Amino acid sequence: MTPTGGGTGPADAPLYRHPCLDALVERALGLADGGRALLGIVGEPGAGKSTFAEQLLARLESARPGCAVAVSMDGFHLAHKVVRARGQTARKGTIGTFDAHGFAALLRRTRAERQHTVWWPEFDRALEDPVAAAIEVTAGHRLVVVDGNFLLSEQGPWREVGQLLDESWFLDALPEPRRARLVRRYVEFGFTPEAARAKALGVDEETSTLIRATAARADLVLGERG
């Protein structure tokens, strides 16, 4: 089993500051005033992207019910059997194990489709596989929050992804808490502590280096609370 993506679960206190979450909600709502907008949440493995997206979405729902929905790049993981057949099991979650062209295509459709529901896939961690048509983006959703590691990458088809986002926010995670979250996550999914640390400090660190190099392309960089 090789869990990838995911967050640390909903938290009462926001993980990130500068600016505060209320100010971020106002900024996000402003994006949607001109029509449907796509807001990218970018960060390294263990940065808490899905947790932050959940926190932001809850505040958006309170401020303007029904205006926003959250989706994720993780729904575009290649199927586990494909990853295994390609000999990439140990590298699952790296940039080469996603359907980048398919992800960009659904982002384009989501921007353009205003009359009908657009169905997004999600990654099921129990199955270790993506599940099609699991998240409903309705015609009424004016803001689509998209989280993912590689949204600002300029490798091949990923270059188009960044261009499709109205704004991107980079989560500047503190290194040690980020790694600790990764290790805890892997242990929860059945890794031994030793194997969890090896993955967090091995292939995930390679991915982190790649992602951190894209931070300068973000519209906003958010610092993690210490």
Protein backbone atom coordinates (compact mmCIF):
# COMPACT_ATOMS: atom_id res chain seq x y z
CA MET A 1 0.00 0.00 0.00
CA THR A 2 1.42 3.40 -1.00
CA PRO A 3 -0.83 6.22 0.21
CA THR A 4 -0.35 9.54 -1.50
CA GLY A 5 -1.81 13.00 -1.19
CA GLY A 6 -4.37 13.81 1.45
CA GLY A 7 -4.25 16.09 4.46
CA THR A 8 -4.12 15.90 8.17
CA GLY A 9 -7.88 16.02 8.69
CA PRO A 10 -10.01 19.04 9.60
CA ALA A 11 -8.54 21.21 12.32
CA ASP A 12 -10.12 23.89 14.50
CA ALA A 13 -7.18 26.30 14.22
CA PRO A 14 -6.05 27.35 10.75
CA LEU A 15 -2.72 25.83 9.73
CA TYR A 16 -1.65 28.94 7.80
CA ARG A 17 -1.55 32.67 8.43
CA HIS A 18 -0.26 35.85 6.74
CA PRO A 19 -2.92 36.93 5.95
CA CYS A 20 -5.57 35.57 8.30
CA LEU A 21 -8.19 33.13 7.04
CA ASP A 22 -10.97 35.74 7.09
CA ALA A 23 -8.95 37.96 4.74
CA LEU A 24 -8.30 34.97 2.48
CA VAL A 25 -12.03 34.25 2.33
CA GLU A 26 -12.67 37.81 1.14
CA ARG A 27 -9.94 37.48 -1.45
CA ALA A 28 -11.35 34.17 -2.68
CA LEU A 29 -14.89 35.54 -2.91
CA GLY A 30 -13.58 38.48 -4.91
CA LEU A 31 -12.24 36.08 -7.53
CA ALA A 32 -15.73 34.70 -8.09
CA ASP A 33 -17.42 38.07 -8.58
CA GLY A 34 -16.70 38.07 -12.29
CA GLY A 35 -17.95 34.55 -13.01
CA ARG A 36 -16.55 31.10 -12.32
CA ALA A 37 -13.00 31.17 -10.97
CA LEU A 38 -10.41 28.50 -10.24
CA LEU A 39 -8.25 28.92 -7.15
CA GLY A 40 -5.21 26.66 -6.84
CA ILE A 41 -3.83 25.54 -3.47
CA VAL A 42 -0.27 24.31 -3.93
CA GLY A 43 2.20 22.75 -1.51
CA GLU A 44 4.65 19.98 -0.77
CA PRO A 45 3.62 16.51 0.42
CA GLY A 46 2.38 16.85 3.99
CA ALA A 47 1.81 20.61 3.71
CA GLY A 48 -1.86 20.15 4.62
CA LYS A 49 -3.38 21.21 1.30
CA SER A 50 -6.65 19.31 1.72
CA THR A 51 -6.97 20.43 5.36
CA PHE A 52 -6.46 24.04 4.34
CA ALA A 53 -8.95 23.64 1.46
CA GLU A 54 -11.53 22.21 3.89
CA GLN A 55 -11.00 25.10 6.30
CA LEU A 56 -11.31 27.65 3.52
CA LEU A 57 -14.38 25.95 2.05
CA ALA A 58 -16.13 25.91 5.44
CA ARG A 59 -15.60 29.67 5.81
CA LEU A 60 -16.72 30.30 2.23
CA GLU A 61 -19.88 28.27 2.85
CA SER A 62 -20.67 30.39 5.90
CA ALA A 63 -20.06 33.63 4.02
CA ARG A 64 -21.83 32.71 0.77
CA PRO A 65 -23.64 29.34 0.90
CA GLY A 66 -23.36 27.20 -2.20
CA CYS A 67 -20.81 29.37 -3.97
CA ALA A 68 -17.73 27.14 -3.71
CA VAL A 69 -16.61 23.54 -4.07
CA ALA A 70 -13.25 21.80 -3.58
CA VAL A 71 -11.63 19.33 -5.99
CA SER A 72 -8.16 17.83 -6.16
CA MET A 73 -5.41 16.88 -8.55
CA ASP A 74 -5.26 13.57 -6.65
CA GLY A 75 -8.26 12.29 -8.62
CA PHE A 76 -5.91 12.08 -11.60
CA HIS A 77 -3.55 9.51 -10.12
CA LEU A 78 -2.95 6.75 -12.63
CA ALA A 79 -4.72 3.55 -11.57
CA HIS A 80 -2.65 1.48 -9.17
CA LYS A 81 -2.54 -1.44 -11.60
CA VAL A 82 -1.06 0.89 -14.22
CA VAL A 83 1.52 2.25 -11.79
CA ARG A 84 2.43 -1.30 -10.78
CA ALA A 85 2.69 -2.48 -14.40
CA ARG A 86 5.02 0.41 -15.15
CA GLY A 87 7.25 -0.48 -12.22
CA GLN A 88 6.51 2.82 -10.45
CA THR A 89 4.90 1.57 -7.25
CA ALA A 90 7.67 2.97 -5.05
CA ARG A 91 7.32 6.32 -6.82
CA LYS A 92 3.54 6.59 -6.73
CA GLY A 93 2.57 10.20 -6.17
CA THR A 94 5.50 11.63 -8.12
CA ILE A 95 4.82 13.87 -11.10
CA GLY A 96 5.07 11.04 -13.65
CA THR A 97 2.25 9.02 -12.04
CA PHE A 98 -0.58 11.44 -12.86
CA ASP A 99 -2.70 12.02 -15.95
CA ALA A 100 -1.65 15.63 -16.45
CA HIS A 101 -3.34 15.99 -19.85
CA GLY A 102 -6.65 14.72 -18.43
CA PHE A 103 -6.36 17.05 -15.45
CA ALA A 104 -5.79 20.08 -17.67
CA ALA A 105 -8.68 19.07 -19.92
CA LEU A 106 -11.14 18.89 -17.01
CA LEU A 107 -9.91 22.23 -15.69
CA ARG A 108 -10.61 23.75 -19.13
CA ARG A 109 -14.09 22.24 -19.16
CA THR A 110 -14.77 23.40 -15.62
CA ARG A 111 -13.88 26.97 -16.59
CA ALA A 112 -16.08 26.88 -19.68
CA GLU A 113 -19.10 24.83 -18.53
CA ARG A 114 -21.62 27.11 -16.81
CA GLN A 115 -24.91 25.38 -17.62
CA HIS A 116 -24.42 21.79 -16.48
CA THR A 117 -22.76 19.79 -13.75
CA VAL A 118 -19.12 18.87 -14.22
CA TRP A 119 -18.20 15.64 -12.42
CA TRP A 120 -14.72 15.35 -10.90
CA PRO A 121 -12.88 12.22 -9.79
CA GLU A 122 -11.46 11.82 -6.31
CA PHE A 123 -8.74 9.60 -4.89
CA ASP A 124 -10.02 6.86 -2.57
CA ARG A 125 -7.29 6.03 -0.06
CA ALA A 126 -8.94 2.80 0.99
CA LEU A 127 -8.88 1.55 -2.61
CA GLU A 128 -5.59 3.27 -3.46
CA ASP A 129 -7.26 4.30 -6.72
CA PRO A 130 -9.15 7.24 -8.22
CA VAL A 131 -12.95 7.03 -8.37
CA ALA A 132 -14.67 8.68 -11.34
CA ALA A 133 -17.56 11.15 -11.08
CA ALA A 134 -17.32 11.49 -7.30
CA ILE A 135 -17.43 15.29 -6.84
CA GLU A 136 -20.20 17.44 -8.29
CA VAL A 137 -19.34 20.90 -9.56
CA THR A 138 -22.73 22.41 -10.23
CA ALA A 139 -23.66 25.35 -12.42
CA GLY A 140 -24.12 27.36 -9.23
CA HIS A 141 -20.56 26.93 -8.00
CA ARG A 142 -18.78 30.17 -8.77
CA LEU A 143 -15.47 29.28 -7.10
CA VAL A 144 -13.67 25.95 -7.57
CA VAL A 145 -10.83 25.37 -5.10
CA VAL A 146 -8.27 23.01 -6.64
CA ASP A 147 -5.52 21.52 -4.50
CA GLY A 148 -2.44 19.72 -5.75
CA ASN A 149 1.31 19.39 -5.63
CA PHE A 150 2.19 20.20 -9.22
CA LEU A 151 -0.21 23.00 -10.17
CA LEU A 152 2.66 25.42 -10.83
CA SER A 153 5.02 23.00 -12.53
CA GLU A 154 6.17 23.90 -16.02
CA GLN A 155 6.95 20.33 -17.04
CA GLY A 156 5.08 19.38 -20.22
CA PRO A 157 1.28 19.57 -19.90
CA TRP A 158 1.49 20.92 -16.33
CA ARG A 159 2.44 24.29 -17.78
CA GLU A 160 -1.16 24.72 -18.98
CA VAL A 161 -2.55 23.95 -15.52
CA GLY A 162 -1.04 27.07 -13.97
CA GLN A 163 -2.37 29.16 -16.83
CA LEU A 164 -5.92 27.92 -16.19
CA LEU A 165 -5.95 29.10 -12.56
CA ASP A 166 -7.22 32.57 -11.72
CA GLU A 167 -4.96 32.59 -8.66
CA SER A 168 -2.62 30.17 -6.92
CA TRP A 169 -1.70 30.14 -3.23
CA PHE A 170 1.42 28.33 -2.08
CA LEU A 171 1.45 26.78 1.40
CA ASP A 172 4.92 27.41 2.80
CA ALA A 173 5.04 24.54 5.30
CA LEU A 174 7.55 24.32 8.12
CA PRO A 175 9.87 21.42 7.20
CA GLU A 176 9.81 19.35 10.38
CA PRO A 177 6.04 19.53 11.07
CA ARG A 178 5.43 18.70 7.40
CA ARG A 179 7.64 15.62 7.54
CA ALA A 180 6.11 14.55 10.85
CA ARG A 181 2.63 14.74 9.32
CA LEU A 182 3.78 12.57 6.41
CA VAL A 183 5.25 9.94 8.71
CA ARG A 184 2.06 9.82 10.83
CA ARG A 185 -0.05 9.48 7.70
CA TYR A 186 1.97 6.58 6.35
CA VAL A 187 1.90 4.78 9.70
CA GLU A 188 -1.89 5.18 9.77
CA PHE A 189 -2.00 3.52 6.34
CA GLY A 190 -0.02 0.49 7.48
CA PHE A 191 3.63 1.42 7.04
CA THR A 192 6.11 0.52 9.74
CA PRO A 193 7.62 3.63 11.35
CA GLU A 194 10.91 2.86 9.61
CA ALA A 195 9.29 2.51 6.18
CA ALA A 196 7.23 5.65 6.77
CA ARG A 197 10.32 7.70 7.55
CA ALA A 198 12.17 6.22 4.57
CA LYS A 199 9.39 7.30 2.19
CA ALA A 200 8.93 10.72 3.77
CA LEU A 201 12.66 11.44 3.64
CA GLY A 202 13.26 9.74 0.30
CA VAL A 203 10.98 10.03 -2.70
CA ASP A 204 8.77 12.62 -0.97
CA GLU A 205 11.78 14.87 -0.38
CA GLU A 206 12.59 14.66 -4.09
CA THR A 207 9.03 15.75 -4.84
CA SER A 208 9.22 18.51 -2.23
CA THR A 209 12.32 19.96 -3.88
CA LEU A 210 10.51 20.03 -7.23
CA ILE A 211 7.42 21.69 -5.76
CA ARG A 212 9.25 24.27 -3.65
CA ALA A 213 11.03 25.46 -6.78
CA THR A 214 7.63 26.51 -8.18
CA ALA A 215 6.64 28.72 -5.21
CA ALA A 216 7.80 31.93 -6.91
CA ARG A 217 5.05 31.47 -9.52
CA ALA A 218 2.29 31.65 -6.90
CA ASP A 219 0.17 34.77 -6.46
CA LEU A 220 0.32 34.41 -2.68
CA VAL A 221 2.60 32.52 -0.29
CA LEU A 222 1.12 31.56 3.08
CA GLY A 223 3.29 30.82 6.12
CA GLU A 224 2.52 27.94 8.45
CA ARG A 225 1.87 28.73 12.10
CA GLY A 226 4.81 27.80 14.28
